[in-house]
């Protein structure tokens, strides 16, 4: 698609497998001479405390950016805990997290996206 003026993205990886799967993908793309313009990522946090969840999301995005030096596009994110079955936050917890993460500047500029 690069030859047609499209930007090429690395496919998103699950949080637990970024260092494994995404490393292999990026190495394989580089070895084949493929260009990756940006990385897409989902994120799901299991800590329902707003300040901690925002910090974990921020740290995750920055770590991926620092590892690959590519813009990041966060494709979806929410609070949900899969560690022991599935546990959902209350609507108030989810709303507080979404408000804090978007109004705190995280989604406006700290995603490091040059979209």
N, C-alpha and C. Protein backbone atom coordinates (compact mmCIF):
# COMPACT_ATOMS: atom_id res chain seq x y z
N UNK A 1 0.81 -1.19 0.00
CA UNK A 1 0.00 0.00 0.00
C UNK A 1 0.86 1.26 0.00
N UNK A 2 2.08 1.13 0.47
CA UNK A 2 2.94 2.31 0.53
C UNK A 2 3.14 2.93 -0.85
N UNK A 3 3.18 2.12 -1.87
CA UNK A 3 3.36 2.62 -3.21
C UNK A 3 2.15 3.38 -3.73
N UNK A 4 1.05 3.31 -3.01
CA UNK A 4 -0.18 3.99 -3.42
C UNK A 4 -0.47 5.20 -2.53
N UNK A 5 0.52 5.65 -1.79
CA UNK A 5 0.35 6.82 -0.95
C UNK A 5 -0.31 6.56 0.39
N UNK A 6 -0.48 5.30 0.77
CA UNK A 6 -1.09 4.96 2.04
C UNK A 6 0.00 4.85 3.11
N UNK A 7 -0.41 5.13 4.34
CA UNK A 7 0.50 4.93 5.46
C UNK A 7 0.32 3.50 5.94
N UNK A 8 1.40 2.84 6.30
CA UNK A 8 1.36 1.44 6.70
C UNK A 8 1.54 1.32 8.20
N UNK A 9 0.69 0.49 8.81
CA UNK A 9 0.71 0.32 10.26
C UNK A 9 1.12 -1.09 10.63
N UNK A 10 1.75 -1.20 11.79
CA UNK A 10 1.98 -2.50 12.39
C UNK A 10 0.66 -2.90 13.05
N UNK A 11 0.28 -4.14 12.91
CA UNK A 11 -0.95 -4.61 13.54
C UNK A 11 -0.81 -4.57 15.05
N UNK A 12 -1.89 -4.27 15.73
CA UNK A 12 -1.86 -4.18 17.19
C UNK A 12 -1.60 -5.52 17.84
N UNK A 13 -0.96 -5.46 18.98
CA UNK A 13 -0.65 -6.66 19.76
C UNK A 13 -1.32 -6.56 21.12
N UNK A 14 -1.65 -7.69 21.67
CA UNK A 14 -2.22 -7.70 23.02
C UNK A 14 -1.17 -7.19 24.01
N UNK A 15 -1.64 -6.57 25.06
CA UNK A 15 -0.76 -5.98 26.06
C UNK A 15 0.31 -6.94 26.55
N UNK A 16 -0.06 -8.16 26.83
CA UNK A 16 0.88 -9.12 27.38
C UNK A 16 1.93 -9.57 26.39
N UNK A 17 1.70 -9.35 25.10
CA UNK A 17 2.60 -9.91 24.10
C UNK A 17 3.32 -8.86 23.24
N UNK A 18 3.32 -7.62 23.68
CA UNK A 18 3.96 -6.59 22.87
C UNK A 18 5.43 -6.91 22.63
N UNK A 19 6.16 -7.25 23.67
CA UNK A 19 7.59 -7.51 23.51
C UNK A 19 7.85 -8.74 22.66
N UNK A 20 6.95 -9.69 22.62
CA UNK A 20 7.15 -10.90 21.83
C UNK A 20 6.66 -10.74 20.40
N UNK A 21 5.37 -10.66 20.24
CA UNK A 21 4.77 -10.64 18.91
C UNK A 21 5.19 -9.40 18.12
N UNK A 22 5.08 -8.23 18.73
CA UNK A 22 5.39 -7.00 18.01
C UNK A 22 6.87 -6.94 17.66
N UNK A 23 7.74 -7.42 18.53
CA UNK A 23 9.18 -7.49 18.19
C UNK A 23 9.39 -8.35 16.95
N UNK A 24 8.75 -9.50 16.91
CA UNK A 24 8.90 -10.38 15.75
C UNK A 24 8.33 -9.74 14.49
N UNK A 25 7.20 -9.09 14.62
CA UNK A 25 6.59 -8.43 13.47
C UNK A 25 7.50 -7.33 12.93
N UNK A 26 7.98 -6.46 13.83
CA UNK A 26 8.82 -5.35 13.40
C UNK A 26 10.14 -5.84 12.81
N UNK A 27 10.73 -6.86 13.39
CA UNK A 27 11.97 -7.44 12.85
C UNK A 27 11.72 -8.05 11.47
N UNK A 28 10.62 -8.77 11.33
CA UNK A 28 10.29 -9.39 10.05
C UNK A 28 10.01 -8.35 8.98
N UNK A 29 9.31 -7.28 9.34
CA UNK A 29 9.03 -6.21 8.37
C UNK A 29 10.32 -5.55 7.93
N UNK A 30 11.19 -5.28 8.87
CA UNK A 30 12.47 -4.65 8.55
C UNK A 30 13.33 -5.55 7.66
N UNK A 31 13.37 -6.82 7.98
CA UNK A 31 14.18 -7.77 7.21
C UNK A 31 13.70 -7.87 5.76
N UNK A 32 12.40 -7.65 5.56
CA UNK A 32 11.84 -7.74 4.21
C UNK A 32 11.79 -6.39 3.49
N UNK A 33 12.28 -5.36 4.17
CA UNK A 33 12.30 -4.03 3.57
C UNK A 33 10.95 -3.33 3.59
N UNK A 34 10.03 -3.79 4.45
CA UNK A 34 8.71 -3.16 4.55
C UNK A 34 8.79 -1.95 5.46
N UNK A 35 8.05 -0.94 5.13
CA UNK A 35 8.01 0.28 5.94
C UNK A 35 6.83 0.19 6.89
N UNK A 36 7.05 0.53 8.14
CA UNK A 36 5.98 0.64 9.13
C UNK A 36 5.96 2.10 9.58
N UNK A 37 4.87 2.80 9.28
CA UNK A 37 4.77 4.22 9.60
C UNK A 37 4.30 4.48 11.03
N UNK A 38 3.47 3.59 11.55
CA UNK A 38 2.96 3.76 12.91
C UNK A 38 2.50 2.41 13.45
N UNK A 39 2.25 2.37 14.74
CA UNK A 39 1.83 1.14 15.42
C UNK A 39 0.45 1.37 16.01
N UNK A 40 -0.45 0.41 15.79
CA UNK A 40 -1.77 0.47 16.40
C UNK A 40 -1.79 -0.43 17.63
N UNK A 41 -2.43 0.04 18.68
CA UNK A 41 -2.48 -0.73 19.92
C UNK A 41 -3.84 -0.63 20.59
N UNK A 42 -4.34 -1.73 21.13
CA UNK A 42 -5.45 -1.67 22.08
C UNK A 42 -4.87 -1.66 23.50
N UNK A 43 -5.66 -1.28 24.48
CA UNK A 43 -5.21 -1.35 25.88
C UNK A 43 -6.41 -1.59 26.76
N UNK A 44 -6.27 -2.52 27.69
CA UNK A 44 -7.30 -2.80 28.69
C UNK A 44 -6.62 -2.88 30.04
N UNK A 45 -7.09 -2.08 30.98
CA UNK A 45 -6.48 -2.04 32.30
C UNK A 45 -7.34 -2.70 33.35
N UNK A 46 -6.70 -3.45 34.23
CA UNK A 46 -7.40 -4.16 35.28
C UNK A 46 -7.39 -3.45 36.62
N UNK A 47 -6.71 -2.31 36.71
CA UNK A 47 -6.70 -1.51 37.94
C UNK A 47 -7.76 -0.44 37.77
N UNK A 48 -8.81 -0.48 38.55
CA UNK A 48 -9.93 0.42 38.36
C UNK A 48 -9.78 1.75 39.08
N UNK A 49 -8.64 1.97 39.72
CA UNK A 49 -8.38 3.27 40.36
C UNK A 49 -7.89 4.23 39.27
N UNK A 50 -8.58 5.33 39.10
CA UNK A 50 -8.33 6.24 37.98
C UNK A 50 -6.88 6.70 37.85
N UNK A 51 -6.26 7.27 38.88
CA UNK A 51 -4.88 7.75 38.68
C UNK A 51 -3.91 6.64 38.28
N UNK A 52 -4.06 5.48 38.89
CA UNK A 52 -3.18 4.36 38.57
C UNK A 52 -3.42 3.86 37.15
N UNK A 53 -4.68 3.77 36.75
CA UNK A 53 -4.99 3.30 35.39
C UNK A 53 -4.46 4.26 34.34
N UNK A 54 -4.62 5.55 34.55
CA UNK A 54 -4.10 6.54 33.61
C UNK A 54 -2.58 6.43 33.53
N UNK A 55 -1.92 6.27 34.66
CA UNK A 55 -0.46 6.13 34.68
C UNK A 55 -0.02 4.86 33.95
N UNK A 56 -0.74 3.76 34.15
CA UNK A 56 -0.38 2.51 33.48
C UNK A 56 -0.54 2.62 31.97
N UNK A 57 -1.62 3.25 31.52
CA UNK A 57 -1.83 3.44 30.09
C UNK A 57 -0.74 4.35 29.51
N UNK A 58 -0.46 5.44 30.18
CA UNK A 58 0.58 6.36 29.73
C UNK A 58 1.93 5.67 29.64
N UNK A 59 2.27 4.92 30.67
CA UNK A 59 3.56 4.21 30.69
C UNK A 59 3.65 3.19 29.56
N UNK A 60 2.56 2.49 29.31
CA UNK A 60 2.52 1.50 28.23
C UNK A 60 2.76 2.15 26.88
N UNK A 61 2.04 3.23 26.59
CA UNK A 61 2.19 3.91 25.31
C UNK A 61 3.60 4.47 25.15
N UNK A 62 4.13 5.06 26.19
CA UNK A 62 5.49 5.62 26.11
C UNK A 62 6.53 4.52 25.93
N UNK A 63 6.35 3.40 26.62
CA UNK A 63 7.31 2.29 26.50
C UNK A 63 7.33 1.74 25.07
N UNK A 64 6.16 1.57 24.47
CA UNK A 64 6.10 1.06 23.09
C UNK A 64 6.73 2.09 22.15
N UNK A 65 6.42 3.36 22.36
CA UNK A 65 7.00 4.41 21.51
C UNK A 65 8.52 4.43 21.63
N UNK A 66 9.03 4.37 22.85
CA UNK A 66 10.48 4.39 23.06
C UNK A 66 11.16 3.14 22.49
N UNK A 67 10.46 2.03 22.49
CA UNK A 67 11.04 0.79 21.97
C UNK A 67 11.17 0.81 20.45
N UNK A 68 10.16 1.36 19.77
CA UNK A 68 10.13 1.28 18.30
C UNK A 68 10.30 2.63 17.59
N UNK A 69 10.19 3.72 18.33
CA UNK A 69 10.35 5.07 17.75
C UNK A 69 9.39 5.31 16.59
N UNK A 70 8.17 4.88 16.78
CA UNK A 70 7.10 5.06 15.79
C UNK A 70 5.92 5.73 16.47
N UNK A 71 5.14 6.51 15.73
CA UNK A 71 3.91 7.04 16.31
C UNK A 71 2.98 5.89 16.71
N UNK A 72 2.18 6.14 17.73
CA UNK A 72 1.25 5.14 18.26
C UNK A 72 -0.17 5.64 18.02
N UNK A 73 -1.03 4.74 17.56
CA UNK A 73 -2.46 5.03 17.49
C UNK A 73 -3.17 4.05 18.41
N UNK A 74 -3.80 4.59 19.41
CA UNK A 74 -4.55 3.79 20.36
C UNK A 74 -5.91 3.50 19.74
N UNK A 75 -6.15 2.25 19.38
CA UNK A 75 -7.36 1.89 18.64
C UNK A 75 -8.58 1.72 19.53
N UNK A 76 -8.37 1.29 20.75
CA UNK A 76 -9.46 1.12 21.70
C UNK A 76 -8.84 0.97 23.08
N UNK A 77 -9.57 1.39 24.09
CA UNK A 77 -9.07 1.22 25.45
C UNK A 77 -10.22 1.31 26.43
N UNK A 78 -10.06 0.61 27.55
CA UNK A 78 -11.09 0.59 28.58
C UNK A 78 -10.54 -0.11 29.80
N UNK A 79 -11.29 -0.03 30.87
CA UNK A 79 -10.98 -0.79 32.07
C UNK A 79 -11.76 -2.10 32.04
N UNK A 80 -11.06 -3.20 32.21
CA UNK A 80 -11.67 -4.52 32.34
C UNK A 80 -10.58 -5.45 32.86
N UNK A 81 -10.93 -6.34 33.74
CA UNK A 81 -9.94 -7.21 34.36
C UNK A 81 -10.20 -8.66 33.95
N UNK A 82 -9.23 -9.25 33.25
CA UNK A 82 -9.36 -10.64 32.80
C UNK A 82 -8.53 -11.59 33.65
N UNK A 83 -7.98 -11.12 34.76
CA UNK A 83 -7.04 -11.94 35.52
C UNK A 83 -7.69 -13.15 36.19
N UNK A 84 -8.93 -13.04 36.63
CA UNK A 84 -9.65 -14.16 37.26
C UNK A 84 -11.07 -14.18 36.71
N UNK A 85 -11.20 -14.67 35.49
CA UNK A 85 -12.49 -14.55 34.82
C UNK A 85 -12.57 -13.16 34.22
N UNK A 86 -13.74 -12.56 34.27
CA UNK A 86 -13.90 -11.20 33.76
C UNK A 86 -14.57 -10.35 34.83
N UNK A 87 -13.92 -9.25 35.15
CA UNK A 87 -14.45 -8.31 36.14
C UNK A 87 -14.54 -6.95 35.47
N UNK A 88 -15.70 -6.30 35.63
CA UNK A 88 -15.94 -5.01 35.00
C UNK A 88 -15.93 -3.90 36.05
N UNK A 89 -15.47 -2.71 35.66
CA UNK A 89 -15.58 -1.58 36.57
C UNK A 89 -17.02 -1.09 36.61
N UNK A 90 -17.33 -0.29 37.60
CA UNK A 90 -18.66 0.33 37.64
C UNK A 90 -18.71 1.39 36.53
N UNK A 91 -19.90 1.78 36.12
CA UNK A 91 -19.99 2.85 35.13
C UNK A 91 -19.28 4.13 35.59
N UNK A 92 -19.34 4.44 36.88
CA UNK A 92 -18.67 5.63 37.40
C UNK A 92 -17.14 5.49 37.30
N UNK A 93 -16.61 4.31 37.58
CA UNK A 93 -15.16 4.09 37.46
C UNK A 93 -14.71 4.21 36.00
N UNK A 94 -15.45 3.61 35.09
CA UNK A 94 -15.11 3.69 33.67
C UNK A 94 -15.16 5.13 33.18
N UNK A 95 -16.21 5.86 33.55
CA UNK A 95 -16.36 7.25 33.13
C UNK A 95 -15.23 8.12 33.69
N UNK A 96 -14.88 7.90 34.95
CA UNK A 96 -13.79 8.69 35.56
C UNK A 96 -12.48 8.43 34.84
N UNK A 97 -12.21 7.18 34.52
CA UNK A 97 -10.98 6.85 33.79
C UNK A 97 -10.96 7.47 32.40
N UNK A 98 -12.05 7.32 31.66
CA UNK A 98 -12.10 7.88 30.30
C UNK A 98 -11.96 9.39 30.31
N UNK A 99 -12.60 10.04 31.27
CA UNK A 99 -12.49 11.49 31.38
C UNK A 99 -11.07 11.90 31.72
N UNK A 100 -10.47 11.26 32.71
CA UNK A 100 -9.12 11.62 33.13
C UNK A 100 -8.09 11.34 32.04
N UNK A 101 -8.25 10.25 31.32
CA UNK A 101 -7.25 9.91 30.30
C UNK A 101 -7.38 10.79 29.07
N UNK A 102 -8.57 11.24 28.74
CA UNK A 102 -8.71 12.08 27.55
C UNK A 102 -8.51 13.56 27.88
N UNK A 103 -9.02 14.03 28.99
CA UNK A 103 -8.88 15.44 29.34
C UNK A 103 -7.50 15.76 29.92
N UNK A 104 -6.82 14.74 30.40
CA UNK A 104 -5.48 14.96 30.95
C UNK A 104 -4.43 15.13 29.88
N UNK A 105 -4.83 15.20 28.65
CA UNK A 105 -3.88 15.42 27.58
C UNK A 105 -3.34 14.14 26.97
N UNK A 106 -3.60 13.00 27.59
CA UNK A 106 -3.07 11.74 27.10
C UNK A 106 -3.50 11.49 25.67
N UNK A 107 -4.78 11.61 25.40
CA UNK A 107 -5.27 11.28 24.08
C UNK A 107 -5.15 12.45 23.10
N UNK A 108 -4.89 13.63 23.60
CA UNK A 108 -4.76 14.75 22.69
C UNK A 108 -3.34 14.87 22.13
N UNK A 109 -2.31 14.50 22.91
CA UNK A 109 -0.97 14.65 22.37
C UNK A 109 0.05 13.63 22.87
N UNK A 110 -0.18 12.97 23.98
CA UNK A 110 0.83 12.06 24.52
C UNK A 110 0.83 10.70 23.84
N UNK A 111 -0.11 10.46 22.95
CA UNK A 111 -0.12 9.19 22.23
C UNK A 111 1.04 9.15 21.24
N UNK A 112 1.59 10.28 20.97
CA UNK A 112 2.78 10.34 20.11
C UNK A 112 2.44 9.98 18.69
N UNK A 113 1.29 10.39 18.25
CA UNK A 113 0.85 10.05 16.89
C UNK A 113 1.04 11.23 15.95
N UNK A 114 1.63 10.94 14.85
CA UNK A 114 1.79 11.95 13.81
C UNK A 114 0.79 11.66 12.70
N UNK A 115 -0.44 11.42 13.08
CA UNK A 115 -1.49 11.07 12.13
C UNK A 115 -1.68 12.24 11.22
